[in-house]
Amino acid sequence: MIISPGYGYEPEDIAEAGMDVTLQYIAGAPGHAVSGGISGLLNNQWVVAIGTGLIVAALVWWFKWN
């Protein structure tokens, strides 16, 4: 056993050793930072799949591939 002037390693000692900084780093509920609008639309898998298909179709038409 080591005797020290500091706090121990038990959960109650750790809880008393510092201050609660949760509110400084977590502003809301899980998923609160998910943005809507254009960013949300561009991250939708259906929009990405259809957009990729349209780009490939445009390239095929542009280079006249059959």
N, C-alpha and C. Protein backbone atom coordinates (compact mmCIF):
# COMPACT_ATOMS: atom_id res chain seq x y z
N MET A 1 0.84 -1.17 0.00
CA MET A 1 0.00 0.00 0.00
C MET A 1 0.89 1.24 0.00
N ILE A 2 0.57 2.17 -0.86
CA ILE A 2 1.32 3.43 -0.95
C ILE A 2 0.45 4.53 -0.34
N ILE A 3 1.03 5.29 0.51
CA ILE A 3 0.32 6.42 1.12
C ILE A 3 0.74 7.68 0.39
N SER A 4 -0.26 8.38 -0.13
CA SER A 4 0.04 9.61 -0.87
C SER A 4 -0.95 10.70 -0.46
N PRO A 5 -0.59 11.96 -0.64
CA PRO A 5 -1.49 13.05 -0.28
C PRO A 5 -2.61 13.26 -1.31
N GLY A 6 -2.51 12.60 -2.47
CA GLY A 6 -3.51 12.80 -3.52
C GLY A 6 -4.71 11.90 -3.38
N TYR A 7 -5.52 11.85 -4.43
CA TYR A 7 -6.72 11.04 -4.45
C TYR A 7 -6.37 9.59 -4.79
N GLY A 8 -7.28 8.69 -4.49
CA GLY A 8 -7.08 7.27 -4.77
C GLY A 8 -7.59 6.91 -6.15
N TYR A 9 -7.73 5.62 -6.39
CA TYR A 9 -8.14 5.13 -7.70
C TYR A 9 -9.52 4.49 -7.68
N GLU A 10 -10.22 4.62 -6.60
CA GLU A 10 -11.59 4.12 -6.53
C GLU A 10 -12.51 5.10 -7.26
N PRO A 11 -13.64 4.62 -7.81
CA PRO A 11 -14.54 5.51 -8.55
C PRO A 11 -14.97 6.75 -7.77
N GLU A 12 -15.24 6.60 -6.50
CA GLU A 12 -15.67 7.78 -5.72
C GLU A 12 -14.53 8.78 -5.53
N ASP A 13 -13.29 8.28 -5.47
CA ASP A 13 -12.13 9.18 -5.36
C ASP A 13 -11.90 9.93 -6.67
N ILE A 14 -12.07 9.23 -7.77
CA ILE A 14 -11.86 9.85 -9.08
C ILE A 14 -12.94 10.90 -9.33
N ALA A 15 -14.17 10.60 -8.94
CA ALA A 15 -15.27 11.56 -9.13
C ALA A 15 -15.04 12.84 -8.35
N GLU A 16 -14.41 12.74 -7.19
CA GLU A 16 -14.17 13.92 -6.37
C GLU A 16 -12.89 14.66 -6.76
N ALA A 17 -12.07 14.07 -7.61
CA ALA A 17 -10.77 14.65 -7.93
C ALA A 17 -10.84 15.84 -8.89
N GLY A 18 -11.86 15.90 -9.71
CA GLY A 18 -11.92 16.97 -10.69
C GLY A 18 -13.31 17.54 -10.80
N MET A 19 -13.47 18.43 -11.76
CA MET A 19 -14.78 19.03 -11.98
C MET A 19 -15.46 18.38 -13.18
N ASP A 20 -16.77 18.46 -13.24
CA ASP A 20 -17.54 17.87 -14.33
C ASP A 20 -17.47 18.81 -15.53
N VAL A 21 -16.89 18.35 -16.63
CA VAL A 21 -16.73 19.16 -17.84
C VAL A 21 -17.62 18.66 -18.96
N THR A 22 -18.60 17.84 -18.64
CA THR A 22 -19.47 17.26 -19.67
C THR A 22 -20.15 18.33 -20.50
N LEU A 23 -20.70 19.34 -19.89
CA LEU A 23 -21.43 20.37 -20.62
C LEU A 23 -20.53 21.23 -21.51
N GLN A 24 -19.24 21.25 -21.24
CA GLN A 24 -18.31 22.01 -22.09
C GLN A 24 -18.07 21.31 -23.42
N TYR A 25 -18.21 19.99 -23.45
CA TYR A 25 -17.87 19.23 -24.65
C TYR A 25 -19.07 18.58 -25.32
N ILE A 26 -20.15 18.35 -24.59
CA ILE A 26 -21.33 17.73 -25.16
C ILE A 26 -22.48 18.71 -25.01
N ALA A 27 -22.97 19.20 -26.16
CA ALA A 27 -23.97 20.26 -26.12
C ALA A 27 -25.41 19.74 -26.15
N GLY A 28 -25.63 18.54 -26.64
CA GLY A 28 -27.01 18.07 -26.74
C GLY A 28 -27.08 16.56 -26.73
N ALA A 29 -28.22 16.07 -27.14
CA ALA A 29 -28.46 14.63 -27.17
C ALA A 29 -27.64 13.97 -28.28
N PRO A 30 -27.48 12.66 -28.24
CA PRO A 30 -26.76 11.98 -29.32
C PRO A 30 -27.39 12.28 -30.68
N GLY A 31 -26.57 12.63 -31.63
CA GLY A 31 -27.04 12.97 -32.97
C GLY A 31 -27.41 14.41 -33.16
N HIS A 32 -27.20 15.26 -32.16
CA HIS A 32 -27.60 16.66 -32.29
C HIS A 32 -26.78 17.40 -33.33
N ALA A 33 -25.57 16.93 -33.61
CA ALA A 33 -24.70 17.64 -34.55
C ALA A 33 -24.97 17.26 -36.00
N VAL A 34 -25.87 16.32 -36.22
CA VAL A 34 -26.20 15.94 -37.59
C VAL A 34 -26.93 17.10 -38.22
N SER A 35 -26.37 17.59 -39.30
CA SER A 35 -26.98 18.75 -39.94
C SER A 35 -27.94 18.32 -41.03
N GLY A 36 -28.89 19.14 -41.29
CA GLY A 36 -29.86 18.87 -42.35
C GLY A 36 -29.49 19.65 -43.59
N GLY A 37 -30.46 19.91 -44.41
CA GLY A 37 -30.25 20.72 -45.60
C GLY A 37 -29.40 20.03 -46.64
N ILE A 38 -28.54 20.77 -47.28
CA ILE A 38 -27.70 20.26 -48.37
C ILE A 38 -26.77 19.16 -47.88
N SER A 39 -26.17 19.34 -46.74
CA SER A 39 -25.25 18.34 -46.20
C SER A 39 -25.96 17.02 -45.93
N GLY A 40 -27.13 17.09 -45.34
CA GLY A 40 -27.90 15.88 -45.09
C GLY A 40 -28.35 15.22 -46.38
N LEU A 41 -28.68 16.02 -47.38
CA LEU A 41 -29.10 15.48 -48.67
C LEU A 41 -27.95 14.79 -49.39
N LEU A 42 -26.77 15.40 -49.37
CA LEU A 42 -25.63 14.82 -50.07
C LEU A 42 -25.08 13.58 -49.38
N ASN A 43 -25.42 13.37 -48.11
CA ASN A 43 -24.98 12.17 -47.40
C ASN A 43 -26.02 11.06 -47.44
N ASN A 44 -27.09 11.25 -48.17
CA ASN A 44 -28.12 10.23 -48.32
C ASN A 44 -27.66 9.22 -49.37
N GLN A 45 -27.73 7.92 -49.05
CA GLN A 45 -27.21 6.90 -49.96
C GLN A 45 -27.99 6.84 -51.27
N TRP A 46 -29.28 7.12 -51.24
CA TRP A 46 -30.05 7.11 -52.47
C TRP A 46 -29.65 8.25 -53.40
N VAL A 47 -29.44 9.41 -52.84
CA VAL A 47 -29.03 10.57 -53.65
C VAL A 47 -27.66 10.32 -54.27
N VAL A 48 -26.74 9.74 -53.50
CA VAL A 48 -25.40 9.46 -54.00
C VAL A 48 -25.47 8.42 -55.12
N ALA A 49 -26.28 7.37 -54.95
CA ALA A 49 -26.39 6.32 -55.97
C ALA A 49 -26.99 6.86 -57.26
N ILE A 50 -28.07 7.62 -57.15
CA ILE A 50 -28.71 8.18 -58.35
C ILE A 50 -27.80 9.21 -59.01
N GLY A 51 -27.14 10.05 -58.21
CA GLY A 51 -26.21 11.04 -58.77
C GLY A 51 -25.04 10.39 -59.48
N THR A 52 -24.50 9.31 -58.92
CA THR A 52 -23.41 8.59 -59.57
C THR A 52 -23.88 7.99 -60.89
N GLY A 53 -25.08 7.42 -60.90
CA GLY A 53 -25.63 6.87 -62.14
C GLY A 53 -25.79 7.93 -63.20
N LEU A 54 -26.26 9.10 -62.81
CA LEU A 54 -26.42 10.19 -63.79
C LEU A 54 -25.07 10.67 -64.32
N ILE A 55 -24.07 10.73 -63.46
CA ILE A 55 -22.73 11.14 -63.91
C ILE A 55 -22.16 10.13 -64.88
N VAL A 56 -22.31 8.84 -64.57
CA VAL A 56 -21.81 7.80 -65.48
C VAL A 56 -22.56 7.87 -66.81
N ALA A 57 -23.87 8.06 -66.78
CA ALA A 57 -24.64 8.17 -68.02
C ALA A 57 -24.20 9.38 -68.83
N ALA A 58 -23.93 10.49 -68.18
CA ALA A 58 -23.47 11.69 -68.89
C ALA A 58 -22.10 11.45 -69.52
N LEU A 59 -21.21 10.73 -68.80
CA LEU A 59 -19.89 10.43 -69.37
C LEU A 59 -20.00 9.50 -70.57
N VAL A 60 -20.89 8.51 -70.49
CA VAL A 60 -21.10 7.60 -71.62
C VAL A 60 -21.61 8.37 -72.81
N TRP A 61 -22.57 9.25 -72.58
CA TRP A 61 -23.11 10.07 -73.68
C TRP A 61 -22.03 11.00 -74.23
N TRP A 62 -21.23 11.59 -73.36
CA TRP A 62 -20.21 12.55 -73.77
C TRP A 62 -19.14 11.89 -74.64
N PHE A 63 -18.69 10.69 -74.24
CA PHE A 63 -17.65 9.99 -74.99
C PHE A 63 -18.24 9.07 -76.05
N LYS A 64 -19.55 9.03 -76.17
CA LYS A 64 -20.28 8.25 -77.16
C LYS A 64 -19.93 6.77 -77.10
N TRP A 65 -19.90 6.22 -75.91
CA TRP A 65 -19.66 4.79 -75.71
C TRP A 65 -20.99 4.06 -75.90
N ASN A 66 -20.93 2.89 -76.43
CA ASN A 66 -22.17 2.13 -76.61
C ASN A 66 -22.14 0.92 -75.74
